[in-house]
Amino acid sequence: MVTLSHDSVNRFLLREQYTPRDLFNEVKEHLILRGGVASGDDSVLDKPYSDLLKTDLIGYFWSGKHKRTVKGAST
């Protein structure tokens, strides 16, 4: 598992001049493009009672709401 801090990612993004097109170019090979809309969101849904071993998408994420790392699902 790769461990990144929220601050290091923010510093990296602020240092570079990325555009939405740059992000699309990075992920387009993983998308099935047949109409519709792709939307990205950095929200975290709190899941304090979920079992990490039984649910693939549950992990620890930085929550701006709680101002700390919480167990949840990133949307």
N, C-alpha and C. Protein backbone atom coordinates (compact mmCIF):
# COMPACT_ATOMS: atom_id res chain seq x y z
N MET A 1 0.84 -1.18 0.00
CA MET A 1 0.00 0.00 0.00
C MET A 1 0.89 1.24 0.00
N VAL A 2 0.56 2.19 -0.83
CA VAL A 2 1.29 3.45 -0.90
C VAL A 2 0.70 4.42 0.11
N THR A 3 1.56 5.05 0.88
CA THR A 3 1.09 6.01 1.87
C THR A 3 1.46 7.42 1.42
N LEU A 4 0.45 8.26 1.24
CA LEU A 4 0.66 9.65 0.86
C LEU A 4 -0.06 10.53 1.87
N SER A 5 0.55 11.63 2.20
CA SER A 5 -0.13 12.56 3.09
C SER A 5 -0.96 13.53 2.26
N HIS A 6 -2.03 13.99 2.83
CA HIS A 6 -2.90 14.97 2.19
C HIS A 6 -2.10 16.21 1.80
N ASP A 7 -1.21 16.66 2.69
CA ASP A 7 -0.42 17.86 2.42
C ASP A 7 0.54 17.68 1.25
N SER A 8 1.15 16.50 1.14
CA SER A 8 2.10 16.29 0.04
C SER A 8 1.37 16.29 -1.31
N VAL A 9 0.17 15.73 -1.37
CA VAL A 9 -0.60 15.76 -2.61
C VAL A 9 -0.99 17.19 -2.95
N ASN A 10 -1.46 17.95 -1.96
CA ASN A 10 -1.82 19.36 -2.21
C ASN A 10 -0.63 20.17 -2.71
N ARG A 11 0.53 19.98 -2.10
CA ARG A 11 1.73 20.72 -2.54
C ARG A 11 2.08 20.35 -3.98
N PHE A 12 1.98 19.05 -4.31
CA PHE A 12 2.28 18.61 -5.67
C PHE A 12 1.33 19.26 -6.67
N LEU A 13 0.03 19.25 -6.37
CA LEU A 13 -0.95 19.82 -7.29
C LEU A 13 -0.80 21.33 -7.44
N LEU A 14 -0.43 22.01 -6.36
CA LEU A 14 -0.24 23.45 -6.43
C LEU A 14 1.02 23.82 -7.21
N ARG A 15 2.03 22.96 -7.15
CA ARG A 15 3.31 23.21 -7.83
C ARG A 15 3.17 23.05 -9.34
N GLU A 16 2.30 22.17 -9.79
CA GLU A 16 2.12 21.89 -11.21
C GLU A 16 0.94 22.69 -11.76
N GLN A 17 0.83 22.76 -13.06
CA GLN A 17 -0.26 23.49 -13.71
C GLN A 17 -1.16 22.51 -14.46
N TYR A 18 -1.82 21.63 -13.72
CA TYR A 18 -2.68 20.63 -14.34
C TYR A 18 -4.02 21.23 -14.76
N THR A 19 -4.58 20.67 -15.83
CA THR A 19 -5.89 21.07 -16.32
C THR A 19 -6.81 19.84 -16.26
N PRO A 20 -8.12 20.03 -16.37
CA PRO A 20 -9.01 18.87 -16.45
C PRO A 20 -8.65 17.94 -17.61
N ARG A 21 -8.16 18.48 -18.70
CA ARG A 21 -7.75 17.66 -19.85
C ARG A 21 -6.59 16.73 -19.47
N ASP A 22 -5.65 17.20 -18.64
CA ASP A 22 -4.55 16.36 -18.19
C ASP A 22 -5.06 15.15 -17.42
N LEU A 23 -6.02 15.38 -16.53
CA LEU A 23 -6.60 14.27 -15.77
C LEU A 23 -7.30 13.29 -16.71
N PHE A 24 -8.08 13.81 -17.65
CA PHE A 24 -8.77 12.95 -18.61
C PHE A 24 -7.78 12.10 -19.40
N ASN A 25 -6.70 12.69 -19.85
CA ASN A 25 -5.70 11.95 -20.62
C ASN A 25 -5.08 10.83 -19.80
N GLU A 26 -4.97 11.00 -18.49
CA GLU A 26 -4.41 9.97 -17.63
C GLU A 26 -5.35 8.79 -17.42
N VAL A 27 -6.66 9.04 -17.40
CA VAL A 27 -7.61 7.98 -17.05
C VAL A 27 -8.44 7.46 -18.22
N LYS A 28 -8.34 8.06 -19.40
CA LYS A 28 -9.25 7.71 -20.49
C LYS A 28 -9.15 6.25 -20.92
N GLU A 29 -7.99 5.63 -20.77
CA GLU A 29 -7.87 4.21 -21.17
C GLU A 29 -8.65 3.29 -20.23
N HIS A 30 -9.04 3.79 -19.07
CA HIS A 30 -9.81 2.99 -18.11
C HIS A 30 -11.31 3.25 -18.20
N LEU A 31 -11.73 4.14 -19.11
CA LEU A 31 -13.13 4.52 -19.23
C LEU A 31 -13.77 3.89 -20.46
N ILE A 32 -15.06 3.60 -20.34
CA ILE A 32 -15.85 3.17 -21.48
C ILE A 32 -16.64 4.40 -21.91
N LEU A 33 -16.25 4.97 -23.05
CA LEU A 33 -16.82 6.25 -23.49
C LEU A 33 -17.97 6.02 -24.47
N ARG A 34 -19.18 5.92 -23.92
CA ARG A 34 -20.38 5.74 -24.75
C ARG A 34 -21.45 6.73 -24.29
N GLY A 35 -21.17 7.99 -24.37
CA GLY A 35 -22.12 9.00 -23.93
C GLY A 35 -22.09 9.15 -22.42
N GLY A 36 -22.93 10.00 -21.90
CA GLY A 36 -22.99 10.21 -20.45
C GLY A 36 -22.03 11.28 -19.98
N VAL A 37 -21.88 11.35 -18.67
CA VAL A 37 -21.04 12.35 -18.04
C VAL A 37 -20.15 11.68 -17.00
N ALA A 38 -18.87 12.01 -16.99
CA ALA A 38 -17.95 11.53 -15.96
C ALA A 38 -17.77 12.66 -14.95
N SER A 39 -17.90 12.34 -13.69
CA SER A 39 -17.79 13.35 -12.65
C SER A 39 -16.83 12.85 -11.58
N GLY A 40 -15.94 13.71 -11.15
CA GLY A 40 -15.00 13.36 -10.07
C GLY A 40 -15.35 14.12 -8.81
N ASP A 41 -15.22 13.47 -7.68
CA ASP A 41 -15.57 14.09 -6.40
C ASP A 41 -14.60 13.58 -5.35
N ASP A 42 -14.21 14.44 -4.44
CA ASP A 42 -13.28 14.02 -3.39
C ASP A 42 -13.98 13.92 -2.03
N SER A 43 -15.29 13.69 -2.04
CA SER A 43 -16.03 13.53 -0.79
C SER A 43 -15.68 12.21 -0.12
N VAL A 44 -15.82 12.19 1.19
CA VAL A 44 -15.61 10.96 1.96
C VAL A 44 -16.89 10.66 2.72
N LEU A 45 -17.44 9.46 2.53
CA LEU A 45 -18.61 9.02 3.28
C LEU A 45 -18.12 8.28 4.51
N ASP A 46 -18.45 8.78 5.69
CA ASP A 46 -18.02 8.12 6.93
C ASP A 46 -18.62 6.73 7.01
N LYS A 47 -17.78 5.74 7.32
CA LYS A 47 -18.21 4.35 7.49
C LYS A 47 -17.51 3.79 8.73
N PRO A 48 -17.78 4.34 9.91
CA PRO A 48 -17.03 3.94 11.10
C PRO A 48 -17.23 2.50 11.53
N TYR A 49 -18.31 1.85 11.10
CA TYR A 49 -18.59 0.48 11.55
C TYR A 49 -18.30 -0.57 10.49
N SER A 50 -17.80 -0.17 9.33
CA SER A 50 -17.50 -1.12 8.26
C SER A 50 -16.22 -1.89 8.55
N ASP A 51 -16.22 -3.15 8.13
CA ASP A 51 -15.06 -4.02 8.31
C ASP A 51 -14.12 -3.87 7.12
N LEU A 52 -12.91 -3.41 7.37
CA LEU A 52 -11.93 -3.19 6.29
C LEU A 52 -11.61 -4.47 5.54
N LEU A 53 -11.67 -5.61 6.21
CA LEU A 53 -11.32 -6.88 5.57
C LEU A 53 -12.44 -7.42 4.69
N LYS A 54 -13.65 -6.92 4.87
CA LYS A 54 -14.79 -7.44 4.11
C LYS A 54 -15.27 -6.50 3.02
N THR A 55 -14.78 -5.29 2.99
CA THR A 55 -15.25 -4.30 2.02
C THR A 55 -14.04 -3.65 1.33
N ASP A 56 -13.94 -3.86 0.02
CA ASP A 56 -12.78 -3.38 -0.74
C ASP A 56 -12.63 -1.87 -0.78
N LEU A 57 -13.71 -1.13 -0.81
CA LEU A 57 -13.63 0.32 -1.02
C LEU A 57 -13.52 1.13 0.27
N ILE A 58 -13.53 0.46 1.41
CA ILE A 58 -13.41 1.14 2.70
C ILE A 58 -11.93 1.29 3.04
N GLY A 59 -11.56 2.47 3.49
CA GLY A 59 -10.18 2.73 3.88
C GLY A 59 -10.14 3.96 4.76
N TYR A 60 -8.95 4.45 5.02
CA TYR A 60 -8.79 5.66 5.82
C TYR A 60 -8.48 6.82 4.89
N PHE A 61 -9.28 7.87 4.99
CA PHE A 61 -9.17 9.02 4.11
C PHE A 61 -9.20 10.30 4.94
N TRP A 62 -8.56 11.33 4.43
CA TRP A 62 -8.60 12.64 5.10
C TRP A 62 -10.00 13.22 4.91
N SER A 63 -10.60 13.68 5.98
CA SER A 63 -11.92 14.30 5.92
C SER A 63 -11.79 15.78 6.24
N GLY A 64 -12.16 16.63 5.27
CA GLY A 64 -12.17 18.06 5.53
C GLY A 64 -13.22 18.43 6.55
N LYS A 65 -14.29 17.66 6.60
CA LYS A 65 -15.35 17.91 7.57
C LYS A 65 -14.85 17.70 8.99
N HIS A 66 -14.12 16.58 9.21
CA HIS A 66 -13.65 16.24 10.55
C HIS A 66 -12.24 16.77 10.84
N LYS A 67 -11.55 17.23 9.79
CA LYS A 67 -10.17 17.73 9.92
C LYS A 67 -9.23 16.67 10.48
N ARG A 68 -9.47 15.41 10.06
CA ARG A 68 -8.62 14.30 10.48
C ARG A 68 -8.90 13.12 9.54
N THR A 69 -8.12 12.08 9.68
CA THR A 69 -8.33 10.86 8.91
C THR A 69 -9.48 10.07 9.54
N VAL A 70 -10.40 9.60 8.69
CA VAL A 70 -11.54 8.81 9.16
C VAL A 70 -11.68 7.56 8.32
N LYS A 71 -12.32 6.53 8.89
CA LYS A 71 -12.62 5.33 8.12
C LYS A 71 -13.86 5.61 7.30
N GLY A 72 -13.76 5.37 6.00
CA GLY A 72 -14.89 5.65 5.14
C GLY A 72 -14.65 5.21 3.72
N ALA A 73 -15.51 5.68 2.83
CA ALA A 73 -15.41 5.38 1.41
C ALA A 73 -15.26 6.69 0.67
N SER A 74 -14.27 6.76 -0.19
CA SER A 74 -14.08 7.95 -1.02
C SER A 74 -15.00 7.84 -2.22
N THR A 75 -15.74 8.89 -2.50
CA THR A 75 -16.69 8.83 -3.60
C THR A 75 -16.09 9.41 -4.87
